[in-house]
Amino acid sequence: MKRLINTLAIALSMVPALASIVTTQTYAATLEVMNPRGEIPPPPFHAPSPRVTDLAGKTVGIYWIGKAGGDNFWDGVEALLNERFPNTKTVRYEGPFDLGEARAKEIAKEVDTIFYGVGD
């Protein structure tokens, strides 16, 4: 045990001498952070359609993506529309979140305006 302590004491006494031998050098480095997604161009911008000023006598589309409980909400919206605008016709649509360009054009031919609900 005494031998171990002596060895440890000698090693510790050599640390300052060894530290003076080791030279420190400073290097400048520049890091460039890259986005792993790359350059993604923004999607095309389409200006919103003009708002319908009055729903009286209009055909209103209701598009629902099928999210649970949404049917209850849209039933309530449709009831309120029929109550407030009795001569307004409602047309219900159901489908995926992204209805696609072709389906959107079909619906646009059938209605004056649309309520689009996705849920959450």
PDB file of N, CA and C in Angstrom:
ATOM      1  N   MET A   1       0.823  -1.193   0.000  1.00  0.00           N
ATOM      2  CA  MET A   1       0.000   0.000   0.000  1.00  0.00           C
ATOM      3  C   MET A   1       0.872   1.263   0.000  1.00  0.00           C
ATOM      4  N   LYS A   2       1.972   1.188   0.823  1.00  0.00           N
ATOM      5  CA  LYS A   2       2.874   2.313   0.917  1.00  0.00           C
ATOM      6  C   LYS A   2       3.521   2.561  -0.446  1.00  0.00           C
ATOM      7  N   ARG A   3       3.824   1.496  -1.164  1.00  0.00           N
ATOM      8  CA  ARG A   3       4.441   1.611  -2.479  1.00  0.00           C
ATOM      9  C   ARG A   3       3.489   2.309  -3.471  1.00  0.00           C
ATOM     10  N   LEU A   4       2.190   1.956  -3.398  1.00  0.00           N
ATOM     11  CA  LEU A   4       1.181   2.572  -4.274  1.00  0.00           C
ATOM     12  C   LEU A   4       1.061   4.062  -4.001  1.00  0.00           C
ATOM     13  N   ILE A   5       1.081   4.431  -2.744  1.00  0.00           N
ATOM     14  CA  ILE A   5       0.975   5.843  -2.369  1.00  0.00           C
ATOM     15  C   ILE A   5       2.200   6.613  -2.866  1.00  0.00           C
ATOM     16  N   ASN A   6       3.384   6.023  -2.723  1.00  0.00           N
ATOM     17  CA  ASN A   6       4.606   6.684  -3.195  1.00  0.00           C
ATOM     18  C   ASN A   6       4.562   6.875  -4.713  1.00  0.00           C
ATOM     19  N   THR A   7       4.107   5.846  -5.448  1.00  0.00           N
ATOM     20  CA  THR A   7       4.015   5.939  -6.897  1.00  0.00           C
ATOM     21  C   THR A   7       3.038   7.027  -7.300  1.00  0.00           C
ATOM     22  N   LEU A   8       1.902   7.083  -6.625  1.00  0.00           N
ATOM     23  CA  LEU A   8       0.899   8.095  -6.904  1.00  0.00           C
ATOM     24  C   LEU A   8       1.427   9.497  -6.609  1.00  0.00           C
ATOM     25  N   ALA A   9       2.183   9.662  -5.509  1.00  0.00           N
ATOM     26  CA  ALA A   9       2.749  10.959  -5.144  1.00  0.00           C
ATOM     27  C   ALA A   9       3.754  11.413  -6.188  1.00  0.00           C
ATOM     28  N   ILE A  10       4.572  10.487  -6.685  1.00  0.00           N
ATOM     29  CA  ILE A  10       5.561  10.833  -7.715  1.00  0.00           C
ATOM     30  C   ILE A  10       4.846  11.254  -8.996  1.00  0.00           C
ATOM     31  N   ALA A  11       3.802  10.499  -9.378  1.00  0.00           N
ATOM     32  CA  ALA A  11       3.059  10.819 -10.598  1.00  0.00           C
ATOM     33  C   ALA A  11       2.400  12.187 -10.500  1.00  0.00           C
ATOM     34  N   LEU A  12       1.841  12.481  -9.350  1.00  0.00           N
ATOM     35  CA  LEU A  12       1.178  13.778  -9.170  1.00  0.00           C
ATOM     36  C   LEU A  12       2.189  14.926  -9.170  1.00  0.00           C
ATOM     37  N   SER A  13       3.376  14.686  -8.677  1.00  0.00           N
ATOM     38  CA  SER A  13       4.378  15.755  -8.674  1.00  0.00           C
ATOM     39  C   SER A  13       4.895  16.040 -10.081  1.00  0.00           C
ATOM     40  N   MET A  14       4.718  15.106 -11.008  1.00  0.00           N
ATOM     41  CA  MET A  14       5.192  15.285 -12.373  1.00  0.00           C
ATOM     42  C   MET A  14       4.172  16.004 -13.265  1.00  0.00           C
ATOM     43  N   VAL A  15       2.936  16.120 -12.826  1.00  0.00           N
ATOM     44  CA  VAL A  15       1.885  16.730 -13.646  1.00  0.00           C
ATOM     45  C   VAL A  15       2.231  18.159 -14.051  1.00  0.00           C
ATOM     46  N   PRO A  16       2.675  19.048 -13.161  1.00  0.00           N
ATOM     47  CA  PRO A  16       3.007  20.410 -13.607  1.00  0.00           C
ATOM     48  C   PRO A  16       4.136  20.427 -14.635  1.00  0.00           C
ATOM     49  N   ALA A  17       5.100  19.554 -14.475  1.00  0.00           N
ATOM     50  CA  ALA A  17       6.220  19.510 -15.426  1.00  0.00           C
ATOM     51  C   ALA A  17       5.725  19.040 -16.794  1.00  0.00           C
ATOM     52  N   LEU A  18       4.852  18.060 -16.809  1.00  0.00           N
ATOM     53  CA  LEU A  18       4.307  17.560 -18.068  1.00  0.00           C
ATOM     54  C   LEU A  18       3.408  18.608 -18.729  1.00  0.00           C
ATOM     55  N   ALA A  19       2.685  19.353 -17.947  1.00  0.00           N
ATOM     56  CA  ALA A  19       1.796  20.379 -18.482  1.00  0.00           C
ATOM     57  C   ALA A  19       2.588  21.476 -19.180  1.00  0.00           C
ATOM     58  N   SER A  20       3.757  21.789 -18.695  1.00  0.00           N
ATOM     59  CA  SER A  20       4.556  22.841 -19.342  1.00  0.00           C
ATOM     60  C   SER A  20       5.141  22.356 -20.656  1.00  0.00           C
ATOM     61  N   ILE A  21       5.312  21.038 -20.826  1.00  0.00           N
ATOM     62  CA  ILE A  21       5.838  20.479 -22.060  1.00  0.00           C
ATOM     63  C   ILE A  21       4.787  20.535 -23.175  1.00  0.00           C
ATOM     64  N   VAL A  22       3.556  20.263 -22.820  1.00  0.00           N
ATOM     65  CA  VAL A  22       2.466  20.231 -23.796  1.00  0.00           C
ATOM     66  C   VAL A  22       2.175  21.662 -24.250  1.00  0.00           C
ATOM     67  N   THR A  23       2.239  21.884 -25.545  1.00  0.00           N
ATOM     68  CA  THR A  23       1.943  23.217 -26.061  1.00  0.00           C
ATOM     69  C   THR A  23       0.504  23.242 -26.551  1.00  0.00           C
ATOM     70  N   THR A  24      -0.109  24.361 -26.352  1.00  0.00           N
ATOM     71  CA  THR A  24      -1.485  24.506 -26.821  1.00  0.00           C
ATOM     72  C   THR A  24      -1.491  25.383 -28.053  1.00  0.00           C
ATOM     73  N   GLN A  25      -2.238  24.957 -29.042  1.00  0.00           N
ATOM     74  CA  GLN A  25      -2.381  25.729 -30.262  1.00  0.00           C
ATOM     75  C   GLN A  25      -3.857  26.008 -30.483  1.00  0.00           C
ATOM     76  N   THR A  26      -4.135  27.167 -31.018  1.00  0.00           N
ATOM     77  CA  THR A  26      -5.512  27.550 -31.293  1.00  0.00           C
ATOM     78  C   THR A  26      -5.727  27.532 -32.803  1.00  0.00           C
ATOM     79  N   TYR A  27      -6.787  26.875 -33.222  1.00  0.00           N
ATOM     80  CA  TYR A  27      -7.129  26.808 -34.635  1.00  0.00           C
ATOM     81  C   TYR A  27      -8.492  27.459 -34.843  1.00  0.00           C
ATOM     82  N   ALA A  28      -8.622  28.242 -35.878  1.00  0.00           N
ATOM     83  CA  ALA A  28      -9.911  28.854 -36.214  1.00  0.00           C
ATOM     84  C   ALA A  28     -10.669  27.904 -37.133  1.00  0.00           C
ATOM     85  N   ALA A  29     -11.934  27.758 -36.891  1.00  0.00           N
ATOM     86  CA  ALA A  29     -12.763  26.881 -37.718  1.00  0.00           C
ATOM     87  C   ALA A  29     -14.069  27.582 -38.026  1.00  0.00           C
ATOM     88  N   THR A  30     -14.570  27.360 -39.221  1.00  0.00           N
ATOM     89  CA  THR A  30     -15.865  27.893 -39.623  1.00  0.00           C
ATOM     90  C   THR A  30     -16.772  26.717 -39.926  1.00  0.00           C
ATOM     91  N   LEU A  31     -17.911  26.699 -39.302  1.00  0.00           N
ATOM     92  CA  LEU A  31     -18.881  25.635 -39.535  1.00  0.00           C
ATOM     93  C   LEU A  31     -20.021  26.175 -40.383  1.00  0.00           C
ATOM     94  N   GLU A  32     -20.425  25.425 -41.368  1.00  0.00           N
ATOM     95  CA  GLU A  32     -21.567  25.800 -42.196  1.00  0.00           C
ATOM     96  C   GLU A  32     -22.680  24.799 -41.916  1.00  0.00           C
ATOM     97  N   VAL A  33     -23.795  25.291 -41.432  1.00  0.00           N
ATOM     98  CA  VAL A  33     -24.927  24.436 -41.109  1.00  0.00           C
ATOM     99  C   VAL A  33     -25.814  24.344 -42.343  1.00  0.00           C
ATOM    100  N   MET A  34     -26.071  23.128 -42.765  1.00  0.00           N
ATOM    101  CA  MET A  34     -26.866  22.905 -43.969  1.00  0.00           C
ATOM    102  C   MET A  34     -28.245  22.365 -43.574  1.00  0.00           C
ATOM    103  N   ASN A  35     -29.252  22.766 -44.327  1.00  0.00           N
ATOM    104  CA  ASN A  35     -30.607  22.239 -44.132  1.00  0.00           C
ATOM    105  C   ASN A  35     -30.697  20.900 -44.875  1.00  0.00           C
ATOM    106  N   PRO A  36     -30.978  19.806 -44.180  1.00  0.00           N
ATOM    107  CA  PRO A  36     -31.030  18.510 -44.866  1.00  0.00           C
ATOM    108  C   PRO A  36     -32.170  18.413 -45.875  1.00  0.00           C
ATOM    109  N   ARG A  37     -33.138  19.296 -45.798  1.00  0.00           N
ATOM    110  CA  ARG A  37     -34.242  19.276 -46.761  1.00  0.00           C
ATOM    111  C   ARG A  37     -33.863  19.953 -48.065  1.00  0.00           C
ATOM    112  N   GLY A  38     -32.794  20.723 -48.063  1.00  0.00           N
ATOM    113  CA  GLY A  38     -32.386  21.406 -49.287  1.00  0.00           C
ATOM    114  C   GLY A  38     -33.214  22.647 -49.541  1.00  0.00           C
ATOM    115  N   GLU A  39     -33.128  23.140 -50.737  1.00  0.00           N
ATOM    116  CA  GLU A  39     -33.877  24.323 -51.145  1.00  0.00           C
ATOM    117  C   GLU A  39     -35.224  23.887 -51.699  1.00  0.00           C
ATOM    118  N   ILE A  40     -36.284  24.296 -51.033  1.00  0.00           N
ATOM    119  CA  ILE A  40     -37.634  23.919 -51.450  1.00  0.00           C
ATOM    120  C   ILE A  40     -38.359  25.175 -51.917  1.00  0.00           C
ATOM    121  N   PRO A  41     -38.739  25.226 -53.187  1.00  0.00           N
ATOM    122  CA  PRO A  41     -39.450  26.418 -53.649  1.00  0.00           C
ATOM    123  C   PRO A  41     -40.843  26.488 -53.008  1.00  0.00           C
ATOM    124  N   PRO A  42     -41.329  27.681 -52.711  1.00  0.00           N
ATOM    125  CA  PRO A  42     -42.662  27.794 -52.108  1.00  0.00           C
ATOM    126  C   PRO A  42     -43.733  27.367 -53.105  1.00  0.00           C
ATOM    127  N   PRO A  43     -44.867  26.897 -52.585  1.00  0.00           N
ATOM    128  CA  PRO A  43     -45.954  26.520 -53.495  1.00  0.00           C
ATOM    129  C   PRO A  43     -46.509  27.752 -54.203  1.00  0.00           C
ATOM    130  N   PRO A  44     -47.160  27.553 -55.325  1.00  0.00           N
ATOM    131  CA  PRO A  44     -47.719  28.716 -56.038  1.00  0.00           C
ATOM    132  C   PRO A  44     -48.792  29.408 -55.196  1.00  0.00           C
ATOM    133  N   PHE A  45     -48.839  30.702 -55.312  1.00  0.00           N
ATOM    134  CA  PHE A  45     -49.802  31.492 -54.548  1.00  0.00           C
ATOM    135  C   PHE A  45     -51.019  31.790 -55.405  1.00  0.00           C
ATOM    136  N   HIS A  46     -52.185  31.540 -54.838  1.00  0.00           N
ATOM    137  CA  HIS A  46     -53.439  31.874 -55.513  1.00  0.00           C
ATOM    138  C   HIS A  46     -54.189  32.846 -54.612  1.00  0.00           C
ATOM    139  N   ALA A  47     -54.553  33.956 -55.162  1.00  0.00           N
ATOM    140  CA  ALA A  47     -55.313  34.943 -54.387  1.00  0.00           C
ATOM    141  C   ALA A  47     -56.675  34.359 -54.023  1.00  0.00           C
ATOM    142  N   PRO A  48     -57.184  34.677 -52.842  1.00  0.00           N
ATOM    143  CA  PRO A  48     -58.496  34.161 -52.463  1.00  0.00           C
ATOM    144  C   PRO A  48     -59.591  34.683 -53.385  1.00  0.00           C
ATOM    145  N   SER A  49     -60.614  33.875 -53.543  1.00  0.00           N
ATOM    146  CA  SER A  49     -61.770  34.291 -54.345  1.00  0.00           C
ATOM    147  C   SER A  49     -62.503  35.405 -53.616  1.00  0.00           C
ATOM    148  N   PRO A  50     -63.217  36.238 -54.333  1.00  0.00           N
ATOM    149  CA  PRO A  50     -63.990  37.283 -53.650  1.00  0.00           C
ATOM    150  C   PRO A  50     -65.043  36.659 -52.741  1.00  0.00           C
ATOM    151  N   ARG A  51     -65.296  37.303 -51.626  1.00  0.00           N
ATOM    152  CA  ARG A  51     -66.294  36.801 -50.685  1.00  0.00           C
ATOM    153  C   ARG A  51     -67.702  36.982 -51.231  1.00  0.00           C
ATOM    154  N   VAL A  52     -68.543  36.033 -50.898  1.00  0.00           N
ATOM    155  CA  VAL A  52     -69.968  36.156 -51.218  1.00  0.00           C
ATOM    156  C   VAL A  52     -70.549  37.114 -50.193  1.00  0.00           C
ATOM    157  N   THR A  53     -71.204  38.160 -50.654  1.00  0.00           N
ATOM    158  CA  THR A  53     -71.692  39.191 -49.734  1.00  0.00           C
ATOM    159  C   THR A  53     -72.982  38.806 -49.026  1.00  0.00           C
ATOM    160  N   ASP A  54     -73.774  37.935 -49.641  1.00  0.00           N
ATOM    161  CA  ASP A  54     -75.051  37.524 -49.047  1.00  0.00           C
ATOM    162  C   ASP A  54     -75.320  36.078 -49.430  1.00  0.00           C
ATOM    163  N   LEU A  55     -75.749  35.265 -48.469  1.00  0.00           N
ATOM    164  CA  LEU A  55     -76.015  33.852 -48.731  1.00  0.00           C
ATOM    165  C   LEU A  55     -77.442  33.586 -49.192  1.00  0.00           C
ATOM    166  N   ALA A  56     -78.301  34.604 -49.140  1.00  0.00           N
ATOM    167  CA  ALA A  56     -79.700  34.418 -49.536  1.00  0.00           C
ATOM    168  C   ALA A  56     -79.780  33.996 -50.999  1.00  0.00           C
ATOM    169  N   GLY A  57     -80.460  32.885 -51.247  1.00  0.00           N
ATOM    170  CA  GLY A  57     -80.663  32.394 -52.603  1.00  0.00           C
ATOM    171  C   GLY A  57     -79.440  31.709 -53.210  1.00  0.00           C
ATOM    172  N   LYS A  58     -78.393  31.536 -52.441  1.00  0.00           N
ATOM    173  CA  LYS A  58     -77.164  30.924 -52.948  1.00  0.00           C
ATOM    174  C   LYS A  58     -77.156  29.415 -52.681  1.00  0.00           C
ATOM    175  N   THR A  59     -76.272  28.725 -53.389  1.00  0.00           N
ATOM    176  CA  THR A  59     -76.015  27.312 -53.119  1.00  0.00           C
ATOM    177  C   THR A  59     -74.697  27.239 -52.359  1.00  0.00           C
ATOM    178  N   VAL A  60     -74.763  26.680 -51.147  1.00  0.00           N
ATOM    179  CA  VAL A  60     -73.608  26.617 -50.267  1.00  0.00           C
ATOM    180  C   VAL A  60     -73.156  25.167 -50.156  1.00  0.00           C
ATOM    181  N   GLY A  61     -71.901  24.920 -50.457  1.00  0.00           N
ATOM    182  CA  GLY A  61     -71.334  23.591 -50.301  1.00  0.00           C
ATOM    183  C   GLY A  61     -70.747  23.427 -48.914  1.00  0.00           C
ATOM    184  N   ILE A  62     -70.876  22.220 -48.373  1.00  0.00           N
ATOM    185  CA  ILE A  62     -70.265  21.890 -47.083  1.00  0.00           C
ATOM    186  C   ILE A  62     -69.371  20.682 -47.340  1.00  0.00           C
ATOM    187  N   TYR A  63     -68.055  20.876 -47.210  1.00  0.00           N
ATOM    188  CA  TYR A  63     -67.102  19.803 -47.464  1.00  0.00           C
ATOM    189  C   TYR A  63     -66.509  19.356 -46.138  1.00  0.00           C
ATOM    190  N   TRP A  64     -66.609  18.067 -45.870  1.00  0.00           N
ATOM    191  CA  TRP A  64     -66.169  17.495 -44.602  1.00  0.00           C
ATOM    192  C   TRP A  64     -65.250  16.331 -44.900  1.00  0.00           C
ATOM    193  N   ILE A  65     -64.127  16.218 -44.178  1.00  0.00           N
ATOM    194  CA  ILE A  65     -63.161  15.154 -44.452  1.00  0.00           C
ATOM    195  C   ILE A  65     -63.476  13.853 -43.719  1.00  0.00           C
ATOM    196  N   GLY A  66     -64.576  13.809 -42.996  1.00  0.00           N
ATOM    197  CA  GLY A  66     -64.976  12.577 -42.335  1.00  0.00           C
ATOM    198  C   GLY A  66     -64.425  12.407 -40.938  1.00  0.00           C
ATOM    199  N   LYS A  67     -63.861  13.444 -40.360  1.00  0.00           N
ATOM    200  CA  LYS A  67     -63.318  13.367 -39.007  1.00  0.00           C
ATOM    201  C   LYS A  67     -64.450  13.105 -38.016  1.00  0.00           C
ATOM    202  N   ALA A  68     -64.203  12.217 -37.076  1.00  0.00           N
ATOM    203  CA  ALA A  68     -65.224  11.810 -36.106  1.00  0.00           C
ATOM    204  C   ALA A  68     -65.849  13.017 -35.411  1.00  0.00           C
ATOM    205  N   GLY A  69     -67.172  13.056 -35.365  1.00  0.00           N
ATOM    206  CA  GLY A  69     -67.909  14.126 -34.706  1.00  0.00           C
ATOM    207  C   GLY A  69     -68.160  15.334 -35.581  1.00  0.00           C
ATOM    208  N   GLY A  70     -67.476  15.423 -36.694  1.00  0.00           N
ATOM    209  CA  GLY A  70     -67.650  16.571 -37.587  1.00  0.00           C
ATOM    210  C   GLY A  70     -69.033  16.625 -38.192  1.00  0.00           C
ATOM    211  N   ASP A  71     -69.639  15.449 -38.381  1.00  0.00           N
ATOM    212  CA  ASP A  71     -70.988  15.432 -38.953  1.00  0.00           C
ATOM    213  C   ASP A  71     -71.963  16.170 -38.051  1.00  0.00           C
ATOM    214  N   ASN A  72     -71.802  16.048 -36.740  1.00  0.00           N
ATOM    215  CA  ASN A  72     -72.674  16.765 -35.795  1.00  0.00           C
ATOM    216  C   ASN A  72     -72.506  18.273 -35.951  1.00  0.00           C
ATOM    217  N   PHE A  73     -71.262  18.701 -36.093  1.00  0.00           N
ATOM    218  CA  PHE A  73     -70.987  20.127 -36.274  1.00  0.00           C
ATOM    219  C   PHE A  73     -71.627  20.645 -37.552  1.00  0.00           C
ATOM    220  N   TRP A  74     -71.396  19.931 -38.680  1.00  0.00           N
ATOM    221  CA  TRP A  74     -71.918  20.401 -39.968  1.00  0.00           C
ATOM    222  C   TRP A  74     -73.438  20.310 -40.031  1.00  0.00           C
ATOM    223  N   ASP A  75     -74.045  19.348 -39.321  1.00  0.00           N
ATOM    224  CA  ASP A  75     -75.514  19.311 -39.225  1.00  0.00           C
ATOM    225  C   ASP A  75     -76.023  20.593 -38.569  1.00  0.00           C
ATOM    226  N   GLY A  76     -75.311  21.038 -37.519  1.00  0.00           N
ATOM    227  CA  GLY A  76     -75.688  22.277 -36.831  1.00  0.00           C
ATOM    228  C   GLY A  76     -75.503  23.503 -37.706  1.00  0.00           C
ATOM    229  N   VAL A  77     -74.413  23.550 -38.447  1.00  0.00           N
ATOM    230  CA  VAL A  77     -74.161  24.669 -39.360  1.00  0.00           C
ATOM    231  C   VAL A  77     -75.245  24.721 -40.426  1.00  0.00           C
ATOM    232  N   GLU A  78     -75.566  23.565 -40.988  1.00  0.00           N
ATOM    233  CA  GLU A  78     -76.596  23.514 -42.032  1.00  0.00           C
ATOM    234  C   GLU A  78     -77.953  23.957 -41.488  1.00  0.00           C
ATOM    235  N   ALA A  79     -78.283  23.537 -40.261  1.00  0.00           N
ATOM    236  CA  ALA A  79     -79.551  23.947 -39.649  1.00  0.00           C
ATOM    237  C   ALA A  79     -79.598  25.465 -39.451  1.00  0.00           C
ATOM    238  N   LEU A  80     -78.491  26.048 -38.994  1.00  0.00           N
ATOM    239  CA  LEU A  80     -78.446  27.491 -38.800  1.00  0.00           C
ATOM    240  C   LEU A  80     -78.551  28.244 -40.129  1.00  0.00           C
ATOM    241  N   LEU A  81     -77.899  27.726 -41.161  1.00  0.00           N
ATOM    242  CA  LEU A  81     -78.004  28.359 -42.486  1.00  0.00           C
ATOM    243  C   LEU A  81     -79.443  28.337 -42.988  1.00  0.00           C
ATOM    244  N   ASN A  82     -80.096  27.176 -42.860  1.00  0.00           N
ATOM    245  CA  ASN A  82     -81.483  27.046 -43.330  1.00  0.00           C
ATOM    246  C   ASN A  82     -82.439  27.922 -42.524  1.00  0.00           C
ATOM    247  N   GLU A  83     -82.123  28.105 -41.252  1.00  0.00           N
ATOM    248  CA  GLU A  83     -82.961  28.948 -40.400  1.00  0.00           C
ATOM    249  C   GLU A  83     -82.794  30.424 -40.764  1.00  0.00           C
ATOM    250  N   ARG A  84     -81.565  30.853 -40.958  1.00  0.00           N
ATOM    251  CA  ARG A  84     -81.299  32.264 -41.231  1.00  0.00           C
ATOM    252  C   ARG A  84     -81.559  32.637 -42.693  1.00  0.00           C
ATOM    253  N   PHE A  85     -81.281  31.719 -43.602  1.00  0.00           N
ATOM    254  CA  PHE A  85     -81.481  31.950 -45.037  1.00  0.00           C
ATOM    255  C   PHE A  85     -82.331  30.807 -45.606  1.00  0.00           C
ATOM    256  N   PRO A  86     -83.648  30.881 -45.441  1.00  0.00           N
ATOM    257  CA  PRO A  86     -84.518  29.763 -45.831  1.00  0.00           C
ATOM    258  C   PRO A  86     -84.450  29.412 -47.320  1.00  0.00           C
ATOM    259  N   ASN A  87     -84.119  30.349 -48.170  1.00  0.00           N
ATOM    260  CA  ASN A  87     -84.068  30.048 -49.603  1.00  0.00           C
ATOM    261  C   ASN A  87     -82.643  29.675 -50.075  1.00  0.00           C
ATOM    262  N   THR A  88     -81.751  29.379 -49.128  1.00  0.00           N
ATOM    263  CA  THR A  88     -80.393  28.941 -49.445  1.00  0.00           C
ATOM    264  C   THR A  88     -80.370  27.419 -49.524  1.00  0.00           C
ATOM    265  N   LYS A  89     -79.739  26.910 -50.555  1.00  0.00           N
ATOM    266  CA  LYS A  89     -79.620  25.461 -50.744  1.00  0.00           C
ATOM    267  C   LYS A  89     -78.235  25.016 -50.268  1.00  0.00           C
ATOM    268  N   THR A  90     -78.173  23.904 -49.538  1.00  0.00           N
ATOM    269  CA  THR A  90     -76.888  23.362 -49.106  1.00  0.00           C
ATOM    270  C   THR A  90     -76.638  22.024 -49.799  1.00  0.00           C
ATOM    271  N   VAL A  91     -75.396  21.814 -50.174  1.00  0.00           N
ATOM    272  CA  VAL A  91     -74.975  20.568 -50.806  1.00  0.00           C
ATOM    273  C   VAL A  91     -73.818  20.024 -49.984  1.00  0.00           C
ATOM    274  N   ARG A  92     -73.921  18.753 -49.556  1.00  0.00           N
ATOM    275  CA  ARG A  92     -72.883  18.155 -48.711  1.00  0.00           C
ATOM    276  C   ARG A  92     -71.904  17.360 -49.559  1.00  0.00           C
ATOM    277  N   TYR A  93     -70.614  17.506 -49.230  1.00  0.00           N
ATOM    278  CA  TYR A  93     -69.553  16.755 -49.877  1.00  0.00           C
ATOM    279  C   TYR A  93     -68.692  16.123 -48.785  1.00  0.00           C
ATOM    280  N   GLU A  94     -68.139  14.972 -49.098  1.00  0.00           N
ATOM    281  CA  GLU A  94     -67.244  14.308 -48.155  1.00  0.00           C
ATOM    282  C   GLU A  94     -66.100  13.703 -48.943  1.00  0.00           C
ATOM    283  N   GLY A  95     -64.914  13.774 -48.374  1.00  0.00           N
ATOM    284  CA  GLY A  95     -63.761  13.211 -49.062  1.00  0.00           C
ATOM    285  C   GLY A  95     -62.486  13.426 -48.286  1.00  0.00           C
ATOM    286  N   PRO A  96     -61.351  13.236 -48.952  1.00  0.00           N
ATOM    287  CA  PRO A  96     -60.058  13.355 -48.277  1.00  0.00           C
ATOM    288  C   PRO A  96     -59.697  14.806 -47.979  1.00  0.00           C
ATOM    289  N   PHE A  97     -58.670  14.972 -47.155  1.00  0.00           N
ATOM    290  CA  PHE A  97     -58.191  16.312 -46.786  1.00  0.00           C
ATOM    291  C   PHE A  97     -57.860  17.123 -48.036  1.00  0.00           C
ATOM    292  N   ASP A  98     -57.083  16.535 -48.927  1.00  0.00           N
ATOM    293  CA  ASP A  98     -56.730  17.221 -50.176  1.00  0.00           C
ATOM    294  C   ASP A  98     -57.703  16.758 -51.249  1.00  0.00           C
ATOM    295  N   LEU A  99     -58.682  17.581 -51.557  1.00  0.00           N
ATOM    296  CA  LEU A  99     -59.694  17.149 -52.517  1.00  0.00           C
ATOM    297  C   LEU A  99     -59.190  17.162 -53.944  1.00  0.00           C
ATOM    298  N   GLY A 100     -58.070  17.804 -54.212  1.00  0.00           N
ATOM    299  CA  GLY A 100     -57.478  17.802 -55.544  1.00  0.00           C
ATOM    300  C   GLY A 100     -58.086  18.849 -56.457  1.00  0.00           C
ATOM    301  N   GLU A 101     -57.322  19.196 -57.474  1.00  0.00           N
ATOM    302  CA  GLU A 101     -57.723  20.262 -58.404  1.00  0.00           C
ATOM    303  C   GLU A 101     -58.980  19.895 -59.187  1.00  0.00           C
ATOM    304  N   ALA A 102     -59.054  18.652 -59.676  1.00  0.00           N
ATOM    305  CA  ALA A 102     -60.204  18.241 -60.495  1.00  0.00           C
ATOM    306  C   ALA A 102     -61.498  18.280 -59.683  1.00  0.00           C
ATOM    307  N   ARG A 103     -61.453  17.723 -58.460  1.00  0.00           N
ATOM    308  CA  ARG A 103     -62.653  17.706 -57.606  1.00  0.00           C
ATOM    309  C   ARG A 103     -63.048  19.131 -57.204  1.00  0.00           C
ATOM    310  N   ALA A 104     -62.082  19.977 -56.939  1.00  0.00           N
ATOM    311  CA  ALA A 104     -62.369  21.366 -56.566  1.00  0.00           C
ATOM    312  C   ALA A 104     -63.075  22.087 -57.710  1.00  0.00           C
ATOM    313  N   LYS A 105     -62.642  21.839 -58.934  1.00  0.00           N
ATOM    314  CA  LYS A 105     -63.296  22.471 -60.085  1.00  0.00           C
ATOM    315  C   LYS A 105     -64.728  21.975 -60.250  1.00  0.00           C
ATOM    316  N   GLU A 106     -64.966  20.674 -60.023  1.00  0.00           N
ATOM    317  CA  GLU A 106     -66.335  20.126 -60.095  1.00  0.00           C
ATOM    318  C   GLU A 106     -67.235  20.815 -59.079  1.00  0.00           C
ATOM    319  N   ILE A 107     -66.754  20.893 -57.852  1.00  0.00           N
ATOM    320  CA  ILE A 107     -67.546  21.497 -56.780  1.00  0.00           C
ATOM    321  C   ILE A 107     -67.798  22.976 -57.076  1.00  0.00           C
ATOM    322  N   ALA A 108     -66.791  23.678 -57.591  1.00  0.00           N
ATOM    323  CA  ALA A 108     -66.925  25.110 -57.886  1.00  0.00           C
ATOM    324  C   ALA A 108     -68.030  25.372 -58.908  1.00  0.00           C
ATOM    325  N   LYS A 109     -68.283  24.418 -59.806  1.00  0.00           N
ATOM    326  CA  LYS A 109     -69.348  24.584 -60.796  1.00  0.00           C
ATOM    327  C   LYS A 109     -70.734  24.421 -60.173  1.00  0.00           C
ATOM    328  N   GLU A 110     -70.799  23.725 -59.037  1.00  0.00           N
ATOM    329  CA  GLU A 110     -72.092  23.399 -58.425  1.00  0.00           C
ATOM    330  C   GLU A 110     -72.527  24.359 -57.325  1.00  0.00           C
ATOM    331  N   VAL A 111     -71.596  25.114 -56.739  1.00  0.00           N
ATOM    332  CA  VAL A 111     -71.932  25.963 -55.592  1.00  0.00           C
ATOM    333  C   VAL A 111     -71.454  27.395 -55.802  1.00  0.00           C
ATOM    334  N   ASP A 112     -72.040  28.313 -55.008  1.00  0.00           N
ATOM    335  CA  ASP A 112     -71.612  29.712 -55.027  1.00  0.00           C
ATOM    336  C   ASP A 112     -70.475  29.957 -54.033  1.00  0.00           C
ATOM    337  N   THR A 113     -70.477  29.214 -52.945  1.00  0.00           N
ATOM    338  CA  THR A 113     -69.437  29.299 -51.915  1.00  0.00           C
ATOM    339  C   THR A 113     -69.394  27.967 -51.182  1.00  0.00           C
ATOM    340  N   ILE A 114     -68.333  27.766 -50.397  1.00  0.00           N
ATOM    341  CA  ILE A 114     -68.184  26.472 -49.727  1.00  0.00           C
ATOM    342  C   ILE A 114     -67.613  26.658 -48.342  1.00  0.00           C
ATOM    343  N   PHE A 115     -68.071  25.814 -47.429  1.00  0.00           N
ATOM    344  CA  PHE A 115     -67.480  25.691 -46.106  1.00  0.00           C
ATOM    345  C   PHE A 115     -66.656  24.407 -46.142  1.00  0.00           C
ATOM    346  N   TYR A 116     -65.395  24.511 -45.765  1.00  0.00           N
ATOM    347  CA  TYR A 116     -64.478  23.383 -45.836  1.00  0.00           C
ATOM    348  C   TYR A 116     -63.976  23.103 -44.432  1.00  0.00           C
ATOM    349  N   GLY A 117     -64.247  21.907 -43.922  1.00  0.00           N
ATOM    350  CA  GLY A 117     -63.851  21.591 -42.556  1.00  0.00           C
ATOM    351  C   GLY A 117     -62.959  20.374 -42.497  1.00  0.00           C
ATOM    352  N   VAL A 118     -61.843  20.524 -41.758  1.00  0.00           N
ATOM    353  CA  VAL A 118     -60.896  19.422 -41.660  1.00  0.00           C
ATOM    354  C   VAL A 118     -60.895  18.768 -40.284  1.00  0.00           C
ATOM    355  N   GLY A 119     -61.285  19.419 -39.252  1.00  0.00           N
ATOM    356  CA  GLY A 119     -61.302  18.842 -37.912  1.00  0.00           C
ATOM    357  C   GLY A 119     -60.123  19.323 -37.068  1.00  0.00           C
ATOM    358  N   ASP A 120     -60.156  18.875 -35.809  1.00  0.00           N
ATOM    359  CA  ASP A 120     -59.144  19.215 -34.811  1.00  0.00           C
ATOM    360  C   ASP A 120     -58.998  20.705 -34.703  1.00  0.00           C
TER     361      ASP A 120
END
